[in-house]
């Protein structure tokens, strides 16, 4: 039996004594694309941060490919996930340097050959090759989101977590991102979005205002 990429059981998260959600169950098989929906403040971004181990939970469990998320396993499990925020944190310098920087770390050096995919990914994301020599500070919001996504894809993680990562894209760029992610059939994607077009291209929607259970089968 294939293990779920993400398996959340009876999860409860409390922030400043206020419950964000309680009794959350969610299962996402490998390769499926799910979008978290619901009103602002219902915990969508919080859930992504829980999966990365940045927000503690008071009850329940999270398993990533069968391995439980704990204080001891969190660092290893983060190497199986990549995260792109609505407003990506990007250091100053050229785009080229930003893309190359992750591969200076020992844990990523074996993936350095993935940089050969940059020209193809730029084309797929409707970005100019000349962008590589631009300063990060000169990029538009949509360009930053696509470069952050490109960087995440180069790391070849099994799970991609996207928090409103298409919010600054025009329709053509958004469609390019959707098509690229759909083409990566082995990639599991859990995203947060209020965009109807993005939702329509997901395998499943999960409304955190109705959190009893959710799955993409």
Protein backbone atom coordinates (compact mmCIF):
# COMPACT_ATOMS: atom_id res chain seq x y z
CA UNK A 1 0.00 0.00 0.00
CA UNK A 2 1.29 3.46 -0.94
CA UNK A 3 1.77 5.73 2.06
CA UNK A 4 0.16 9.18 1.94
CA UNK A 5 2.53 12.03 1.24
CA UNK A 6 0.76 13.98 4.01
CA UNK A 7 -1.38 12.35 6.70
CA UNK A 8 -2.85 14.62 9.39
CA UNK A 9 -4.94 13.04 12.14
CA UNK A 10 -7.10 14.85 14.72
CA UNK A 11 -4.83 17.91 14.73
CA UNK A 12 -5.43 20.75 17.17
CA UNK A 13 -3.49 24.02 17.04
CA UNK A 14 -3.83 26.79 19.61
CA UNK A 15 -2.23 30.23 19.30
CA UNK A 16 -2.25 32.56 22.31
CA UNK A 17 -4.80 30.25 24.01
CA UNK A 18 -7.17 30.66 21.05
CA UNK A 19 -7.87 27.52 18.98
CA UNK A 20 -7.00 27.96 15.31
CA UNK A 21 -8.54 24.60 14.41
CA UNK A 22 -9.40 21.40 16.26
CA UNK A 23 -9.85 17.82 15.12
CA UNK A 24 -8.36 18.39 11.65
CA UNK A 25 -7.92 15.27 9.51
CA UNK A 26 -6.40 15.44 6.04
CA UNK A 27 -4.82 12.85 3.77
CA UNK A 28 -2.99 13.64 0.54
CA UNK A 29 -1.61 10.81 -1.62
CA UNK A 30 1.67 11.26 -3.49
CA UNK A 31 1.40 13.24 -6.70
CA UNK A 32 -1.96 14.84 -5.93
CA UNK A 33 -2.67 18.57 -5.88
CA UNK A 34 -4.91 19.99 -3.15
CA UNK A 35 -5.90 23.59 -2.44
CA UNK A 36 -6.80 24.81 1.05
CA UNK A 37 -9.70 27.25 0.99
CA UNK A 38 -11.82 29.12 3.51
CA UNK A 39 -12.26 32.57 4.96
CA UNK A 40 -9.27 34.61 6.13
CA UNK A 41 -8.09 33.61 9.59
CA UNK A 42 -9.30 30.00 9.48
CA UNK A 43 -5.75 28.64 9.65
CA UNK A 44 -4.68 27.86 6.08
CA UNK A 45 -1.21 29.42 6.35
CA UNK A 46 -0.89 28.10 9.89
CA UNK A 47 -1.40 24.56 8.62
CA UNK A 48 1.44 24.90 6.11
CA UNK A 49 3.70 26.17 8.88
CA UNK A 50 2.67 23.23 11.06
CA UNK A 51 3.81 20.82 8.36
CA UNK A 52 7.21 22.53 8.37
CA UNK A 53 7.42 22.34 12.16
CA UNK A 54 7.30 26.10 12.69
CA UNK A 55 3.96 26.09 14.55
CA UNK A 56 3.50 23.52 17.36
CA UNK A 57 0.28 21.54 17.71
CA UNK A 58 -1.31 20.59 21.01
CA UNK A 59 -3.00 17.36 19.94
CA UNK A 60 -2.99 14.90 17.06
CA UNK A 61 -0.28 13.85 14.62
CA UNK A 62 1.32 14.66 11.28
CA UNK A 63 3.03 12.01 9.16
CA UNK A 64 5.06 12.74 6.03
CA UNK A 65 5.40 9.61 3.87
CA UNK A 66 4.72 7.54 6.97
CA UNK A 67 7.25 9.27 9.23
CA UNK A 68 5.81 11.14 12.19
CA UNK A 69 6.67 14.82 12.55
CA UNK A 70 8.43 15.26 15.89
CA UNK A 71 11.11 17.48 17.37
CA UNK A 72 13.63 14.79 16.42
CA UNK A 73 12.42 14.24 12.85
CA UNK A 74 11.51 17.79 11.79
CA UNK A 75 14.88 18.68 10.25
CA UNK A 76 14.97 15.53 8.14
CA UNK A 77 11.35 15.91 7.05
CA UNK A 78 11.92 19.51 5.92
CA UNK A 79 14.30 18.13 3.29
CA UNK A 80 11.26 16.48 1.67
CA UNK A 81 9.30 19.74 1.40
CA UNK A 82 9.71 23.11 -0.30
CA UNK A 83 7.75 26.23 0.62
CA UNK A 84 6.90 29.34 -1.42
CA UNK A 85 5.26 32.30 0.32
CA UNK A 86 3.02 34.99 -1.14
CA UNK A 87 5.84 37.48 -0.61
CA UNK A 88 9.02 35.39 -0.88
CA UNK A 89 11.97 36.36 1.30
CA UNK A 90 14.75 36.98 -1.18
CA UNK A 91 18.24 38.25 -0.41
CA UNK A 92 19.77 41.17 -2.29
CA UNK A 93 21.81 40.39 -5.39
CA UNK A 94 21.27 38.94 -8.84
CA UNK A 95 18.64 36.34 -9.67
CA UNK A 96 21.42 34.01 -10.79
CA UNK A 97 23.06 34.21 -7.36
CA UNK A 98 19.73 33.61 -5.60
CA UNK A 99 19.14 30.42 -7.58
CA UNK A 100 22.66 29.13 -7.01
CA UNK A 101 22.81 29.92 -3.28
CA UNK A 102 20.90 26.85 -1.97
CA UNK A 103 23.46 24.58 -3.59
CA UNK A 104 26.26 26.05 -1.51
CA UNK A 105 24.90 24.08 1.47
CA UNK A 106 26.26 20.59 2.01
CA UNK A 107 22.81 19.01 2.06
CA UNK A 108 22.01 20.31 -1.43
CA UNK A 109 25.34 20.00 -3.23
CA UNK A 110 24.40 16.65 -4.77
CA UNK A 111 21.56 18.46 -6.58
CA UNK A 112 23.73 21.16 -8.13
CA UNK A 113 23.35 19.64 -11.61
CA UNK A 114 19.68 20.65 -11.42
CA UNK A 115 20.80 24.18 -12.25
CA UNK A 116 21.02 22.97 -15.83
CA UNK A 117 17.19 23.04 -15.81
CA UNK A 118 17.08 26.81 -15.24
CA UNK A 119 16.77 27.87 -18.92
CA UNK A 120 13.92 25.42 -19.53
CA UNK A 121 12.10 26.41 -16.36
CA UNK A 122 12.44 30.10 -17.17
CA UNK A 123 10.82 29.44 -20.54
CA UNK A 124 8.03 27.37 -18.99
CA UNK A 125 7.32 30.18 -16.52
CA UNK A 126 7.32 32.85 -19.25
CA UNK A 127 10.44 34.51 -17.89
CA UNK A 128 13.31 35.94 -19.93
CA UNK A 129 16.79 34.42 -19.74
CA UNK A 130 18.03 38.01 -19.26
CA UNK A 131 16.31 37.99 -15.87
CA UNK A 132 19.22 35.97 -14.46
CA UNK A 133 21.45 39.05 -14.41
CA UNK A 134 18.84 41.39 -12.93
CA UNK A 135 18.93 42.53 -9.33
CA UNK A 136 16.28 40.92 -7.12
CA UNK A 137 15.20 44.39 -5.98
CA UNK A 138 14.15 45.31 -9.54
CA UNK A 139 11.76 42.37 -10.01
CA UNK A 140 8.00 42.72 -10.01
CA UNK A 141 5.89 40.79 -7.51
CA UNK A 142 4.94 38.22 -10.14
CA UNK A 143 8.55 37.74 -11.21
CA UNK A 144 9.60 37.20 -7.58
CA UNK A 145 6.90 34.58 -7.08
CA UNK A 146 7.95 32.66 -10.19
CA UNK A 147 11.66 32.84 -9.36
CA UNK A 148 10.92 31.59 -5.83
CA UNK A 149 8.90 28.73 -7.33
CA UNK A 150 11.70 27.94 -9.78
CA UNK A 151 14.17 27.82 -6.88
CA UNK A 152 11.90 25.45 -4.98
CA UNK A 153 11.55 23.13 -7.98
CA UNK A 154 15.32 22.96 -8.44
CA UNK A 155 15.60 21.44 -4.96
CA UNK A 156 13.57 18.47 -6.20
CA UNK A 157 11.45 18.08 -3.06
CA UNK A 158 8.62 15.55 -3.02
CA UNK A 159 6.11 18.01 -1.51
CA UNK A 160 5.55 21.62 -2.53
CA UNK A 161 3.74 23.97 -0.13
CA UNK A 162 2.42 27.16 -1.75
CA UNK A 163 0.92 30.03 0.26
CA UNK A 164 -0.91 32.32 -2.21
CA UNK A 165 2.17 31.92 -4.42
CA UNK A 166 0.29 32.92 -7.59
CA UNK A 167 -1.44 36.03 -6.22
CA UNK A 168 0.73 38.49 -8.17
CA UNK A 169 0.59 36.66 -11.51
CA UNK A 170 -1.27 37.79 -14.60
CA UNK A 171 -3.55 35.19 -16.26
CA UNK A 172 -0.93 33.93 -18.72
CA UNK A 173 1.76 33.51 -16.05
CA UNK A 174 -0.71 31.82 -13.69
CA UNK A 175 -1.69 29.35 -16.39
CA UNK A 176 1.99 28.65 -17.09
CA UNK A 177 2.56 27.84 -13.41
CA UNK A 178 -0.51 25.59 -13.28
CA UNK A 179 0.59 23.69 -16.39
CA UNK A 180 4.13 23.25 -15.07
CA UNK A 181 2.93 21.83 -11.75
CA UNK A 182 0.36 19.57 -13.39
CA UNK A 183 3.08 18.19 -15.68
CA UNK A 184 5.08 17.10 -12.63
CA UNK A 185 2.88 14.12 -11.89
CA UNK A 186 5.01 12.80 -9.03
CA UNK A 187 5.02 16.16 -7.21
CA UNK A 188 2.59 16.53 -4.32
CA UNK A 189 1.25 20.08 -3.99
CA UNK A 190 -0.64 21.56 -1.04
CA UNK A 191 -1.54 25.17 -1.74
CA UNK A 192 -3.46 28.06 -0.21
CA UNK A 193 -5.39 30.18 -2.68
CA UNK A 194 -8.49 32.34 -3.06
CA UNK A 195 -8.21 32.22 -6.86
CA UNK A 196 -11.03 30.39 -8.63
CA UNK A 197 -8.90 29.44 -11.65
CA UNK A 198 -6.24 27.94 -9.38
CA UNK A 199 -8.88 26.02 -7.42
CA UNK A 200 -10.36 24.69 -10.64
CA UNK A 201 -7.06 23.04 -11.58
CA UNK A 202 -6.67 21.23 -8.26
CA UNK A 203 -7.48 17.58 -7.70
CA UNK A 204 -9.34 18.50 -4.52
CA UNK A 205 -10.32 21.44 -2.34
CA UNK A 206 -10.23 21.37 1.44
CA UNK A 207 -12.28 23.97 3.32
CA UNK A 208 -10.74 24.70 6.70
CA UNK A 209 -14.08 26.13 7.81
CA UNK A 210 -15.28 22.50 7.66
CA UNK A 211 -12.30 20.61 8.98
CA UNK A 212 -13.55 17.17 9.89
CA UNK A 213 -11.72 15.42 7.06
CA UNK A 214 -10.34 15.87 3.59
CA UNK A 215 -8.52 13.84 1.00
CA UNK A 216 -7.46 13.81 -2.63
CA UNK A 217 -7.77 10.33 -4.04
